Amino acid sequence: MTHFNNFTGVVQAEPKVIKQFPTMLYVPIMTTTGQKLHCLVIQHALDFLYRAHAESRIALYGHFNQHHQFVINKYFVSSQVA
């Protein structure tokens, strides 16, 4: 049974495309508790690539895979005030 978690944090670097089809992204995220997550985005990856940039605040919902990578199922990128 998959155990789902939620986190909030900051995107550390620009998302990287690691697979073209289906589109898969890698993004490092630093949580508000100081934990660094190595995240994979498969669902809505192109939308994530468009919305999330380095230093963006983000809320995540997903699960850890067997390689201890956090697989993002849902996310929310908060708007940045300049």
Protein backbone atom coordinates (compact mmCIF):
# COMPACT_ATOMS: atom_id res chain seq x y z
CA MET A 1 0.00 0.00 0.00
CA THR A 2 1.32 3.41 -0.96
CA HIS A 3 1.64 5.99 1.81
CA PHE A 4 1.05 9.56 0.61
CA ASN A 5 2.76 12.63 2.12
CA ASN A 6 2.52 16.38 1.70
CA PHE A 7 5.33 18.92 1.92
CA THR A 8 5.87 22.62 1.39
CA GLY A 9 9.16 24.11 0.33
CA VAL A 10 11.23 25.91 -2.29
CA VAL A 11 12.41 24.70 -5.69
CA GLN A 12 16.23 24.64 -5.51
CA ALA A 13 17.03 24.55 -9.27
CA GLU A 14 15.27 24.60 -12.62
CA PRO A 15 13.41 21.34 -13.37
CA LYS A 16 15.31 18.99 -15.71
CA VAL A 17 13.74 16.76 -18.35
CA ILE A 18 15.08 13.24 -17.82
CA LYS A 19 12.74 11.40 -20.18
CA GLN A 20 10.90 12.66 -23.27
CA PHE A 21 8.04 10.19 -23.59
CA PRO A 22 6.25 10.07 -21.30
CA THR A 23 7.66 13.37 -20.09
CA MET A 24 9.46 12.95 -16.77
CA LEU A 25 11.11 15.74 -14.78
CA TYR A 26 13.62 15.82 -11.94
CA VAL A 27 13.49 18.71 -9.50
CA PRO A 28 15.31 19.18 -6.17
CA ILE A 29 13.19 20.75 -3.44
CA MET A 30 14.17 22.02 0.00
CA THR A 31 11.28 21.63 2.44
CA THR A 32 10.43 24.16 5.13
CA THR A 33 11.81 21.69 7.70
CA GLY A 34 15.22 21.66 5.97
CA GLN A 35 14.87 18.26 4.29
CA LYS A 36 16.11 18.00 0.68
CA LEU A 37 13.81 16.01 -1.58
CA HIS A 38 14.77 14.49 -4.93
CA CYS A 39 11.47 14.70 -6.78
CA LEU A 40 10.09 13.18 -9.96
CA VAL A 41 7.18 14.69 -11.88
CA ILE A 42 5.33 12.51 -14.37
CA GLN A 43 1.71 13.65 -14.17
CA HIS A 44 1.27 17.11 -15.73
CA ALA A 45 5.03 17.41 -16.27
CA LEU A 46 4.81 20.04 -19.01
CA ASP A 47 2.56 22.22 -16.87
CA PHE A 48 5.02 21.84 -13.97
CA LEU A 49 7.90 22.81 -16.27
CA TYR A 50 6.00 25.96 -17.29
CA ARG A 51 4.97 27.03 -13.76
CA ALA A 52 7.86 26.04 -11.47
CA HIS A 53 11.18 27.87 -11.56
CA ALA A 54 14.16 28.09 -9.23
CA GLU A 55 13.27 29.74 -5.89
CA SER A 56 9.51 29.20 -6.41
CA ARG A 57 7.48 28.27 -3.35
CA ILE A 58 5.66 25.00 -3.81
CA ALA A 59 3.26 22.66 -2.01
CA LEU A 60 3.54 18.96 -2.89
CA TYR A 61 1.47 15.81 -2.48
CA GLY A 62 2.77 12.39 -3.46
CA HIS A 63 4.67 9.31 -2.34
CA PHE A 64 8.19 7.90 -2.10
CA ASN A 65 9.24 5.19 -4.56
CA GLN A 66 11.60 2.29 -3.80
CA HIS A 67 14.62 4.51 -4.64
CA HIS A 68 13.56 7.07 -1.98
CA GLN A 69 12.62 9.62 -4.62
CA PHE A 70 9.47 11.64 -4.01
CA VAL A 71 6.98 11.13 -6.86
CA ILE A 72 4.74 14.19 -7.11
CA ASN A 73 1.07 13.46 -7.81
CA LYS A 74 -0.32 16.94 -7.12
CA TYR A 75 1.34 20.31 -6.62
CA PHE A 76 0.64 24.01 -6.20
CA VAL A 77 3.16 26.68 -7.18
CA SER A 78 2.43 29.91 -5.34
CA SER A 79 2.76 33.16 -7.27
CA GLN A 80 5.84 35.20 -6.60
CA VAL A 81 5.60 38.89 -5.74
CA ALA A 82 8.30 40.97 -7.39
